[in-house]
Amino acid sequence: MSFVRNHPQGIVFKIFVLPRSSKNMIAGLHGDALKIKLTAPPVDGSANKMCIKYLAKQLNLSKSSLEIVSGHTSRTKQILIRFSGAKASVKEQEHLKAMVESLAS
């Protein structure tokens, strides 16, 4: 079962964040979530900002296309990747899903 699902505005996936790690990295899966280690502390939203910046870089997307939709103060978060246009084709949906799922490998 995939940890990525469709959303009316794009795709959503769950992440599990470990702040104050020694380096930024994707550490595989944590249950049904992508485990991400970040060097930023969980203070004043700095880990959330670093999370968006890091995921955007890993997925080769703009930071503005990513949004934390739930879990702002939790280690478990839901990330939304917005479609580039008003509506996305099935091909774009599948491409985005494949990009996110490849991070877990």
PDB file of N, CA and C in Angstrom:
ATOM      1  N   MET A   1       0.841  -1.186   0.000  1.00  0.00           N
ATOM      2  CA  MET A   1       0.000   0.000   0.000  1.00  0.00           C
ATOM      3  C   MET A   1       0.882   1.245   0.000  1.00  0.00           C
ATOM      4  N   SER A   2       0.530   2.199  -0.774  1.00  0.00           N
ATOM      5  CA  SER A   2       1.303   3.422  -0.913  1.00  0.00           C
ATOM      6  C   SER A   2       0.991   4.396   0.217  1.00  0.00           C
ATOM      7  N   PHE A   3       1.979   5.178   0.627  1.00  0.00           N
ATOM      8  CA  PHE A   3       1.773   6.203   1.649  1.00  0.00           C
ATOM      9  C   PHE A   3       1.396   7.538   1.016  1.00  0.00           C
ATOM     10  N   VAL A   4       1.219   7.536  -0.306  1.00  0.00           N
ATOM     11  CA  VAL A   4       0.842   8.736  -1.060  1.00  0.00           C
ATOM     12  C   VAL A   4      -0.592   8.552  -1.550  1.00  0.00           C
ATOM     13  N   ARG A   5      -1.398   9.622  -1.415  1.00  0.00           N
ATOM     14  CA  ARG A   5      -2.775   9.510  -1.897  1.00  0.00           C
ATOM     15  C   ARG A   5      -3.185  10.767  -2.663  1.00  0.00           C
ATOM     16  N   ASN A   6      -4.204  10.615  -3.475  1.00  0.00           N
ATOM     17  CA  ASN A   6      -4.715  11.730  -4.268  1.00  0.00           C
ATOM     18  C   ASN A   6      -5.455  12.725  -3.382  1.00  0.00           C
ATOM     19  N   HIS A   7      -5.454  13.958  -3.813  1.00  0.00           N
ATOM     20  CA  HIS A   7      -6.130  15.057  -3.125  1.00  0.00           C
ATOM     21  C   HIS A   7      -6.689  15.943  -4.233  1.00  0.00           C
ATOM     22  N   PRO A   8      -7.800  16.640  -4.013  1.00  0.00           N
ATOM     23  CA  PRO A   8      -8.360  17.481  -5.076  1.00  0.00           C
ATOM     24  C   PRO A   8      -7.389  18.535  -5.624  1.00  0.00           C
ATOM     25  N   GLN A   9      -6.448  18.997  -4.797  1.00  0.00           N
ATOM     26  CA  GLN A   9      -5.500  20.020  -5.238  1.00  0.00           C
ATOM     27  C   GLN A   9      -4.126  19.463  -5.605  1.00  0.00           C
ATOM     28  N   GLY A  10      -3.931  18.163  -5.453  1.00  0.00           N
ATOM     29  CA  GLY A  10      -2.621  17.579  -5.743  1.00  0.00           C
ATOM     30  C   GLY A  10      -2.523  16.189  -5.168  1.00  0.00           C
ATOM     31  N   ILE A  11      -1.416  15.931  -4.480  1.00  0.00           N
ATOM     32  CA  ILE A  11      -1.260  14.670  -3.770  1.00  0.00           C
ATOM     33  C   ILE A  11      -0.822  14.980  -2.340  1.00  0.00           C
ATOM     34  N   VAL A  12      -1.158  14.081  -1.429  1.00  0.00           N
ATOM     35  CA  VAL A  12      -0.825  14.239  -0.021  1.00  0.00           C
ATOM     36  C   VAL A  12      -0.051  13.011   0.428  1.00  0.00           C
ATOM     37  N   PHE A  13       0.966  13.245   1.264  1.00  0.00           N
ATOM     38  CA  PHE A  13       1.679  12.128   1.853  1.00  0.00           C
ATOM     39  C   PHE A  13       2.062  12.469   3.282  1.00  0.00           C
ATOM     40  N   LYS A  14       2.245  11.426   4.080  1.00  0.00           N
ATOM     41  CA  LYS A  14       2.558  11.588   5.491  1.00  0.00           C
ATOM     42  C   LYS A  14       4.075  11.500   5.677  1.00  0.00           C
ATOM     43  N   ILE A  15       4.593  12.354   6.567  1.00  0.00           N
ATOM     44  CA  ILE A  15       6.005  12.293   6.925  1.00  0.00           C
ATOM     45  C   ILE A  15       6.129  12.217   8.440  1.00  0.00           C
ATOM     46  N   PHE A  16       7.237  11.663   8.888  1.00  0.00           N
ATOM     47  CA  PHE A  16       7.594  11.610  10.298  1.00  0.00           C
ATOM     48  C   PHE A  16       8.933  12.312  10.417  1.00  0.00           C
ATOM     49  N   VAL A  17       8.969  13.424  11.148  1.00  0.00           N
ATOM     50  CA  VAL A  17      10.158  14.279  11.209  1.00  0.00           C
ATOM     51  C   VAL A  17      10.923  14.035  12.504  1.00  0.00           C
ATOM     52  N   LEU A  18      12.230  13.886  12.374  1.00  0.00           N
ATOM     53  CA  LEU A  18      13.131  13.795  13.519  1.00  0.00           C
ATOM     54  C   LEU A  18      14.013  15.038  13.522  1.00  0.00           C
ATOM     55  N   PRO A  19      13.644  16.066  14.309  1.00  0.00           N
ATOM     56  CA  PRO A  19      14.444  17.290  14.351  1.00  0.00           C
ATOM     57  C   PRO A  19      15.742  17.082  15.144  1.00  0.00           C
ATOM     58  N   ARG A  20      16.638  18.043  15.029  1.00  0.00           N
ATOM     59  CA  ARG A  20      17.937  18.027  15.722  1.00  0.00           C
ATOM     60  C   ARG A  20      18.765  16.791  15.401  1.00  0.00           C
ATOM     61  N   SER A  21      18.705  16.339  14.167  1.00  0.00           N
ATOM     62  CA  SER A  21      19.524  15.218  13.727  1.00  0.00           C
ATOM     63  C   SER A  21      20.887  15.738  13.292  1.00  0.00           C
ATOM     64  N   SER A  22      21.815  14.837  13.069  1.00  0.00           N
ATOM     65  CA  SER A  22      23.171  15.250  12.689  1.00  0.00           C
ATOM     66  C   SER A  22      23.246  15.770  11.263  1.00  0.00           C
ATOM     67  N   LYS A  23      22.331  15.310  10.391  1.00  0.00           N
ATOM     68  CA  LYS A  23      22.286  15.821   9.018  1.00  0.00           C
ATOM     69  C   LYS A  23      20.884  15.659   8.457  1.00  0.00           C
ATOM     70  N   ASN A  24      20.602  16.418   7.418  1.00  0.00           N
ATOM     71  CA  ASN A  24      19.318  16.311   6.721  1.00  0.00           C
ATOM     72  C   ASN A  24      19.357  15.084   5.832  1.00  0.00           C
ATOM     73  N   MET A  25      18.367  14.220   5.988  1.00  0.00           N
ATOM     74  CA  MET A  25      18.319  13.031   5.150  1.00  0.00           C
ATOM     75  C   MET A  25      16.947  12.367   5.232  1.00  0.00           C
ATOM     76  N   ILE A  26      16.642  11.590   4.208  1.00  0.00           N
ATOM     77  CA  ILE A  26      15.446  10.764   4.208  1.00  0.00           C
ATOM     78  C   ILE A  26      15.897   9.389   4.675  1.00  0.00           C
ATOM     79  N   ALA A  27      15.249   8.896   5.723  1.00  0.00           N
ATOM     80  CA  ALA A  27      15.686   7.658   6.368  1.00  0.00           C
ATOM     81  C   ALA A  27      14.704   6.516   6.152  1.00  0.00           C
ATOM     82  N   GLY A  28      14.080   6.458   4.988  1.00  0.00           N
ATOM     83  CA  GLY A  28      13.166   5.370   4.666  1.00  0.00           C
ATOM     84  C   GLY A  28      11.758   5.623   5.168  1.00  0.00           C
ATOM     85  N   LEU A  29      11.084   4.555   5.562  1.00  0.00           N
ATOM     86  CA  LEU A  29       9.712   4.654   6.019  1.00  0.00           C
ATOM     87  C   LEU A  29       9.627   4.429   7.529  1.00  0.00           C
ATOM     88  N   HIS A  30       8.661   5.087   8.140  1.00  0.00           N
ATOM     89  CA  HIS A  30       8.334   4.910   9.555  1.00  0.00           C
ATOM     90  C   HIS A  30       6.850   4.585   9.591  1.00  0.00           C
ATOM     91  N   GLY A  31       6.514   3.310   9.593  1.00  0.00           N
ATOM     92  CA  GLY A  31       5.119   2.901   9.481  1.00  0.00           C
ATOM     93  C   GLY A  31       4.581   3.277   8.112  1.00  0.00           C
ATOM     94  N   ASP A  32       3.562   4.127   8.086  1.00  0.00           N
ATOM     95  CA  ASP A  32       2.971   4.568   6.813  1.00  0.00           C
ATOM     96  C   ASP A  32       3.421   5.985   6.457  1.00  0.00           C
ATOM     97  N   ALA A  33       4.586   6.397   6.958  1.00  0.00           N
ATOM     98  CA  ALA A  33       5.083   7.755   6.708  1.00  0.00           C
ATOM     99  C   ALA A  33       6.539   7.715   6.239  1.00  0.00           C
ATOM    100  N   LEU A  34       6.904   8.721   5.488  1.00  0.00           N
ATOM    101  CA  LEU A  34       8.288   8.904   5.054  1.00  0.00           C
ATOM    102  C   LEU A  34       9.052   9.532   6.219  1.00  0.00           C
ATOM    103  N   LYS A  35      10.134   8.882   6.671  1.00  0.00           N
ATOM    104  CA  LYS A  35      10.908   9.391   7.795  1.00  0.00           C
ATOM    105  C   LYS A  35      11.968  10.365   7.285  1.00  0.00           C
ATOM    106  N   ILE A  36      11.955  11.589   7.857  1.00  0.00           N
ATOM    107  CA  ILE A  36      12.888  12.631   7.444  1.00  0.00           C
ATOM    108  C   ILE A  36      13.644  13.142   8.663  1.00  0.00           C
ATOM    109  N   LYS A  37      14.966  13.112   8.591  1.00  0.00           N
ATOM    110  CA  LYS A  37      15.802  13.659   9.650  1.00  0.00           C
ATOM    111  C   LYS A  37      16.238  15.060   9.233  1.00  0.00           C
ATOM    112  N   LEU A  38      16.107  16.013  10.170  1.00  0.00           N
ATOM    113  CA  LEU A  38      16.455  17.401   9.893  1.00  0.00           C
ATOM    114  C   LEU A  38      17.361  17.942  10.992  1.00  0.00           C
ATOM    115  N   THR A  39      18.275  18.819  10.623  1.00  0.00           N
ATOM    116  CA  THR A  39      19.183  19.412  11.604  1.00  0.00           C
ATOM    117  C   THR A  39      18.518  20.516  12.405  1.00  0.00           C
ATOM    118  N   ALA A  40      17.468  21.108  11.904  1.00  0.00           N
ATOM    119  CA  ALA A  40      16.805  22.238  12.570  1.00  0.00           C
ATOM    120  C   ALA A  40      16.100  21.782  13.847  1.00  0.00           C
ATOM    121  N   PRO A  41      16.085  22.646  14.857  1.00  0.00           N
ATOM    122  CA  PRO A  41      15.333  22.329  16.074  1.00  0.00           C
ATOM    123  C   PRO A  41      13.849  22.621  15.870  1.00  0.00           C
ATOM    124  N   PRO A  42      12.993  21.986  16.660  1.00  0.00           N
ATOM    125  CA  PRO A  42      11.550  22.223  16.511  1.00  0.00           C
ATOM    126  C   PRO A  42      11.102  23.478  17.266  1.00  0.00           C
ATOM    127  N   VAL A  43      11.725  24.596  16.950  1.00  0.00           N
ATOM    128  CA  VAL A  43      11.451  25.852  17.645  1.00  0.00           C
ATOM    129  C   VAL A  43      11.044  26.913  16.631  1.00  0.00           C
ATOM    130  N   ASP A  44       9.959  27.620  16.920  1.00  0.00           N
ATOM    131  CA  ASP A  44       9.478  28.729  16.081  1.00  0.00           C
ATOM    132  C   ASP A  44       9.300  28.348  14.615  1.00  0.00           C
ATOM    133  N   GLY A  45       8.919  27.118  14.352  1.00  0.00           N
ATOM    134  CA  GLY A  45       8.655  26.694  12.980  1.00  0.00           C
ATOM    135  C   GLY A  45       9.879  26.459  12.118  1.00  0.00           C
ATOM    136  N   SER A  46      11.070  26.490  12.714  1.00  0.00           N
ATOM    137  CA  SER A  46      12.278  26.339  11.893  1.00  0.00           C
ATOM    138  C   SER A  46      12.389  24.943  11.283  1.00  0.00           C
ATOM    139  N   ALA A  47      11.964  23.912  12.003  1.00  0.00           N
ATOM    140  CA  ALA A  47      11.998  22.556  11.436  1.00  0.00           C
ATOM    141  C   ALA A  47      10.986  22.428  10.295  1.00  0.00           C
ATOM    142  N   ASN A  48       9.823  23.068  10.433  1.00  0.00           N
ATOM    143  CA  ASN A  48       8.823  23.028   9.358  1.00  0.00           C
ATOM    144  C   ASN A  48       9.358  23.716   8.104  1.00  0.00           C
ATOM    145  N   LYS A  49       9.993  24.865   8.275  1.00  0.00           N
ATOM    146  CA  LYS A  49      10.560  25.583   7.128  1.00  0.00           C
ATOM    147  C   LYS A  49      11.641  24.754   6.456  1.00  0.00           C
ATOM    148  N   MET A  50      12.514  24.157   7.265  1.00  0.00           N
ATOM    149  CA  MET A  50      13.580  23.332   6.695  1.00  0.00           C
ATOM    150  C   MET A  50      13.003  22.107   6.000  1.00  0.00           C
ATOM    151  N   CYS A  51      11.941  21.558   6.555  1.00  0.00           N
ATOM    152  CA  CYS A  51      11.292  20.392   5.965  1.00  0.00           C
ATOM    153  C   CYS A  51      10.788  20.705   4.560  1.00  0.00           C
ATOM    154  N   ILE A  52      10.097  21.816   4.404  1.00  0.00           N
ATOM    155  CA  ILE A  52       9.580  22.215   3.087  1.00  0.00           C
ATOM    156  C   ILE A  52      10.739  22.475   2.129  1.00  0.00           C
ATOM    157  N   LYS A  53      11.751  23.185   2.596  1.00  0.00           N
ATOM    158  CA  LYS A  53      12.905  23.492   1.755  1.00  0.00           C
ATOM    159  C   LYS A  53      13.613  22.207   1.318  1.00  0.00           C
ATOM    160  N   TYR A  54      13.809  21.284   2.244  1.00  0.00           N
ATOM    161  CA  TYR A  54      14.503  20.028   1.942  1.00  0.00           C
ATOM    162  C   TYR A  54      13.702  19.160   0.973  1.00  0.00           C
ATOM    163  N   LEU A  55      12.398  19.021   1.228  1.00  0.00           N
ATOM    164  CA  LEU A  55      11.561  18.217   0.327  1.00  0.00           C
ATOM    165  C   LEU A  55      11.497  18.829  -1.067  1.00  0.00           C
ATOM    166  N   ALA A  56      11.405  20.153  -1.147  1.00  0.00           N
ATOM    167  CA  ALA A  56      11.370  20.818  -2.452  1.00  0.00           C
ATOM    168  C   ALA A  56      12.648  20.518  -3.231  1.00  0.00           C
ATOM    169  N   LYS A  57      13.774  20.554  -2.549  1.00  0.00           N
ATOM    170  CA  LYS A  57      15.053  20.264  -3.208  1.00  0.00           C
ATOM    171  C   LYS A  57      15.114  18.807  -3.662  1.00  0.00           C
ATOM    172  N   GLN A  58      14.691  17.881  -2.796  1.00  0.00           N
ATOM    173  CA  GLN A  58      14.738  16.457  -3.132  1.00  0.00           C
ATOM    174  C   GLN A  58      13.800  16.099  -4.282  1.00  0.00           C
ATOM    175  N   LEU A  59      12.666  16.777  -4.360  1.00  0.00           N
ATOM    176  CA  LEU A  59      11.671  16.482  -5.398  1.00  0.00           C
ATOM    177  C   LEU A  59      11.810  17.382  -6.621  1.00  0.00           C
ATOM    178  N   ASN A  60      12.756  18.313  -6.567  1.00  0.00           N
ATOM    179  CA  ASN A  60      12.978  19.259  -7.658  1.00  0.00           C
ATOM    180  C   ASN A  60      11.705  20.050  -7.963  1.00  0.00           C
ATOM    181  N   LEU A  61      11.085  20.554  -6.892  1.00  0.00           N
ATOM    182  CA  LEU A  61       9.878  21.363  -7.001  1.00  0.00           C
ATOM    183  C   LEU A  61      10.118  22.705  -6.324  1.00  0.00           C
ATOM    184  N   SER A  62       9.251  23.662  -6.595  1.00  0.00           N
ATOM    185  CA  SER A  62       9.354  24.943  -5.899  1.00  0.00           C
ATOM    186  C   SER A  62       8.806  24.788  -4.480  1.00  0.00           C
ATOM    187  N   LYS A  63       9.338  25.577  -3.564  1.00  0.00           N
ATOM    188  CA  LYS A  63       8.855  25.532  -2.180  1.00  0.00           C
ATOM    189  C   LYS A  63       7.379  25.913  -2.107  1.00  0.00           C
ATOM    190  N   SER A  64       6.941  26.789  -3.004  1.00  0.00           N
ATOM    191  CA  SER A  64       5.548  27.236  -2.972  1.00  0.00           C
ATOM    192  C   SER A  64       4.559  26.139  -3.382  1.00  0.00           C
ATOM    193  N   SER A  65       5.037  25.079  -4.014  1.00  0.00           N
ATOM    194  CA  SER A  65       4.133  23.991  -4.402  1.00  0.00           C
ATOM    195  C   SER A  65       3.922  22.986  -3.272  1.00  0.00           C
ATOM    196  N   LEU A  66       4.670  23.138  -2.174  1.00  0.00           N
ATOM    197  CA  LEU A  66       4.554  22.246  -1.020  1.00  0.00           C
ATOM    198  C   LEU A  66       3.925  22.987   0.151  1.00  0.00           C
ATOM    199  N   GLU A  67       3.091  22.278   0.903  1.00  0.00           N
ATOM    200  CA  GLU A  67       2.443  22.887   2.063  1.00  0.00           C
ATOM    201  C   GLU A  67       2.217  21.826   3.133  1.00  0.00           C
ATOM    202  N   ILE A  68       2.475  22.192   4.378  1.00  0.00           N
ATOM    203  CA  ILE A  68       2.122  21.324   5.502  1.00  0.00           C
ATOM    204  C   ILE A  68       0.658  21.587   5.794  1.00  0.00           C
ATOM    205  N   VAL A  69      -0.188  20.571   5.607  1.00  0.00           N
ATOM    206  CA  VAL A  69      -1.629  20.764   5.798  1.00  0.00           C
ATOM    207  C   VAL A  69      -2.102  20.320   7.180  1.00  0.00           C
ATOM    208  N   SER A  70      -1.316  19.502   7.869  1.00  0.00           N
ATOM    209  CA  SER A  70      -1.643  19.145   9.246  1.00  0.00           C
ATOM    210  C   SER A  70      -0.379  18.699   9.961  1.00  0.00           C
ATOM    211  N   GLY A  71      -0.390  18.844  11.281  1.00  0.00           N
ATOM    212  CA  GLY A  71       0.749  18.409  12.082  1.00  0.00           C
ATOM    213  C   GLY A  71       1.821  19.459  12.261  1.00  0.00           C
ATOM    214  N   HIS A  72       1.466  20.725  12.246  1.00  0.00           N
ATOM    215  CA  HIS A  72       2.459  21.804  12.355  1.00  0.00           C
ATOM    216  C   HIS A  72       3.298  21.704  13.625  1.00  0.00           C
ATOM    217  N   THR A  73       2.728  21.209  14.716  1.00  0.00           N
ATOM    218  CA  THR A  73       3.470  21.103  15.971  1.00  0.00           C
ATOM    219  C   THR A  73       3.735  19.652  16.357  1.00  0.00           C
ATOM    220  N   SER A  74       3.543  18.748  15.441  1.00  0.00           N
ATOM    221  CA  SER A  74       3.728  17.325  15.682  1.00  0.00           C
ATOM    222  C   SER A  74       4.878  16.790  14.831  1.00  0.00           C
ATOM    223  N   ARG A  75       5.406  15.656  15.209  1.00  0.00           N
ATOM    224  CA  ARG A  75       6.432  15.015  14.370  1.00  0.00           C
ATOM    225  C   ARG A  75       5.812  14.408  13.115  1.00  0.00           C
ATOM    226  N   THR A  76       4.547  14.000  13.210  1.00  0.00           N
ATOM    227  CA  THR A  76       3.851  13.421  12.062  1.00  0.00           C
ATOM    228  C   THR A  76       3.081  14.535  11.360  1.00  0.00           C
ATOM    229  N   LYS A  77       3.350  14.698  10.083  1.00  0.00           N
ATOM    230  CA  LYS A  77       2.766  15.788   9.302  1.00  0.00           C
ATOM    231  C   LYS A  77       2.184  15.255   8.000  1.00  0.00           C
ATOM    232  N   GLN A  78       1.250  15.984   7.448  1.00  0.00           N
ATOM    233  CA  GLN A  78       0.698  15.702   6.120  1.00  0.00           C
ATOM    234  C   GLN A  78       1.206  16.801   5.191  1.00  0.00           C
ATOM    235  N   ILE A  79       1.828  16.401   4.097  1.00  0.00           N
ATOM    236  CA  ILE A  79       2.373  17.338   3.121  1.00  0.00           C
ATOM    237  C   ILE A  79       1.529  17.278   1.858  1.00  0.00           C
ATOM    238  N   LEU A  80       1.140  18.444   1.359  1.00  0.00           N
ATOM    239  CA  LEU A  80       0.402  18.559   0.105  1.00  0.00           C
ATOM    240  C   LEU A  80       1.339  19.083  -0.965  1.00  0.00           C
ATOM    241  N   ILE A  81       1.388  18.382  -2.090  1.00  0.00           N
ATOM    242  CA  ILE A  81       2.070  18.890  -3.282  1.00  0.00           C
ATOM    243  C   ILE A  81       0.965  19.341  -4.221  1.00  0.00           C
ATOM    244  N   ARG A  82       0.921  20.632  -4.470  1.00  0.00           N
ATOM    245  CA  ARG A  82      -0.111  21.195  -5.343  1.00  0.00           C
ATOM    246  C   ARG A  82       0.247  20.957  -6.811  1.00  0.00           C
ATOM    247  N   PHE A  83      -0.796  20.743  -7.599  1.00  0.00           N
ATOM    248  CA  PHE A  83      -0.601  20.609  -9.041  1.00  0.00           C
ATOM    249  C   PHE A  83      -0.130  21.928  -9.614  1.00  0.00           C
ATOM    250  N   SER A  84       0.615  21.869 -10.694  1.00  0.00           N
ATOM    251  CA  SER A  84       1.144  23.081 -11.321  1.00  0.00           C
ATOM    252  C   SER A  84       0.050  23.917 -11.963  1.00  0.00           C
ATOM    253  N   GLY A  85      -0.986  23.283 -12.486  1.00  0.00           N
ATOM    254  CA  GLY A  85      -2.102  24.012 -13.101  1.00  0.00           C
ATOM    255  C   GLY A  85      -3.345  23.892 -12.246  1.00  0.00           C
ATOM    256  N   ALA A  86      -4.446  24.394 -12.764  1.00  0.00           N
ATOM    257  CA  ALA A  86      -5.700  24.314 -12.030  1.00  0.00           C
ATOM    258  C   ALA A  86      -6.139  22.859 -11.870  1.00  0.00           C
ATOM    259  N   LYS A  87      -5.943  22.078 -12.901  1.00  0.00           N
ATOM    260  CA  LYS A  87      -6.275  20.661 -12.877  1.00  0.00           C
ATOM    261  C   LYS A  87      -5.088  19.878 -13.411  1.00  0.00           C
ATOM    262  N   ALA A  88      -4.898  18.710 -12.874  1.00  0.00           N
ATOM    263  CA  ALA A  88      -3.783  17.885 -13.320  1.00  0.00           C
ATOM    264  C   ALA A  88      -4.295  16.670 -14.068  1.00  0.00           C
ATOM    265  N   SER A  89      -3.488  16.241 -14.976  1.00  0.00           N
ATOM    266  CA  SER A  89      -3.818  15.025 -15.699  1.00  0.00           C
ATOM    267  C   SER A  89      -3.475  13.826 -14.818  1.00  0.00           C
ATOM    268  N   VAL A  90      -4.003  12.694 -15.183  1.00  0.00           N
ATOM    269  CA  VAL A  90      -3.682  11.457 -14.477  1.00  0.00           C
ATOM    270  C   VAL A  90      -2.185  11.202 -14.575  1.00  0.00           C
ATOM    271  N   LYS A  91      -1.614  11.559 -15.713  1.00  0.00           N
ATOM    272  CA  LYS A  91      -0.180  11.361 -15.909  1.00  0.00           C
ATOM    273  C   LYS A  91       0.630  12.191 -14.904  1.00  0.00           C
ATOM    274  N   GLU A  92       0.227  13.445 -14.678  1.00  0.00           N
ATOM    275  CA  GLU A  92       0.939  14.295 -13.708  1.00  0.00           C
ATOM    276  C   GLU A  92       0.777  13.744 -12.295  1.00  0.00           C
ATOM    277  N   GLN A  93      -0.432  13.276 -11.953  1.00  0.00           N
ATOM    278  CA  GLN A  93      -0.659  12.671 -10.641  1.00  0.00           C
ATOM    279  C   GLN A  93       0.261  11.482 -10.423  1.00  0.00           C
ATOM    280  N   GLU A  94       0.314  10.603 -11.396  1.00  0.00           N
ATOM    281  CA  GLU A  94       1.143   9.405 -11.270  1.00  0.00           C
ATOM    282  C   GLU A  94       2.629   9.761 -11.201  1.00  0.00           C
ATOM    283  N   HIS A  95       3.041  10.769 -11.951  1.00  0.00           N
ATOM    284  CA  HIS A  95       4.439  11.207 -11.920  1.00  0.00           C
ATOM    285  C   HIS A  95       4.813  11.730 -10.532  1.00  0.00           C
ATOM    286  N   LEU A  96       3.955  12.576  -9.941  1.00  0.00           N
ATOM    287  CA  LEU A  96       4.219  13.110  -8.608  1.00  0.00           C
ATOM    288  C   LEU A  96       4.256  11.989  -7.565  1.00  0.00           C
ATOM    289  N   LYS A  97       3.329  11.058  -7.653  1.00  0.00           N
ATOM    290  CA  LYS A  97       3.317   9.923  -6.732  1.00  0.00           C
ATOM    291  C   LYS A  97       4.617   9.120  -6.831  1.00  0.00           C
ATOM    292  N   ALA A  98       5.041   8.853  -8.048  1.00  0.00           N
ATOM    293  CA  ALA A  98       6.271   8.082  -8.257  1.00  0.00           C
ATOM    294  C   ALA A  98       7.488   8.812  -7.696  1.00  0.00           C
ATOM    295  N   MET A  99       7.533  10.145  -7.850  1.00  0.00           N
ATOM    296  CA  MET A  99       8.650  10.915  -7.319  1.00  0.00           C
ATOM    297  C   MET A  99       8.717  10.803  -5.804  1.00  0.00           C
ATOM    298  N   VAL A 100       7.585  10.926  -5.124  1.00  0.00           N
ATOM    299  CA  VAL A 100       7.550  10.853  -3.670  1.00  0.00           C
ATOM    300  C   VAL A 100       7.891   9.429  -3.203  1.00  0.00           C
ATOM    301  N   GLU A 101       7.312   8.432  -3.846  1.00  0.00           N
ATOM    302  CA  GLU A 101       7.566   7.046  -3.460  1.00  0.00           C
ATOM    303  C   GLU A 101       9.021   6.658  -3.667  1.00  0.00           C
ATOM    304  N   SER A 102       9.679   7.261  -4.660  1.00  0.00           N
ATOM    305  CA  SER A 102      11.097   6.937  -4.893  1.00  0.00           C
ATOM    306  C   SER A 102      11.996   7.433  -3.762  1.00  0.00           C
ATOM    307  N   LEU A 103      11.534   8.439  -3.012  1.00  0.00           N
ATOM    308  CA  LEU A 103      12.326   8.937  -1.880  1.00  0.00           C
ATOM    309  C   LEU A 103      12.461   7.880  -0.789  1.00  0.00           C
ATOM    310  N   ALA A 104      11.479   7.014  -0.669  1.00  0.00           N
ATOM    311  CA  ALA A 104      11.488   5.990   0.374  1.00  0.00           C
ATOM    312  C   ALA A 104      12.440   4.842   0.057  1.00  0.00           C
ATOM    313  N   SER A 105      12.871   4.750  -1.175  1.00  0.00           N
ATOM    314  CA  SER A 105      13.742   3.635  -1.584  1.00  0.00           C
ATOM    315  C   SER A 105      15.172   3.839  -1.142  1.00  0.00           C
TER     316      SER A 105
END
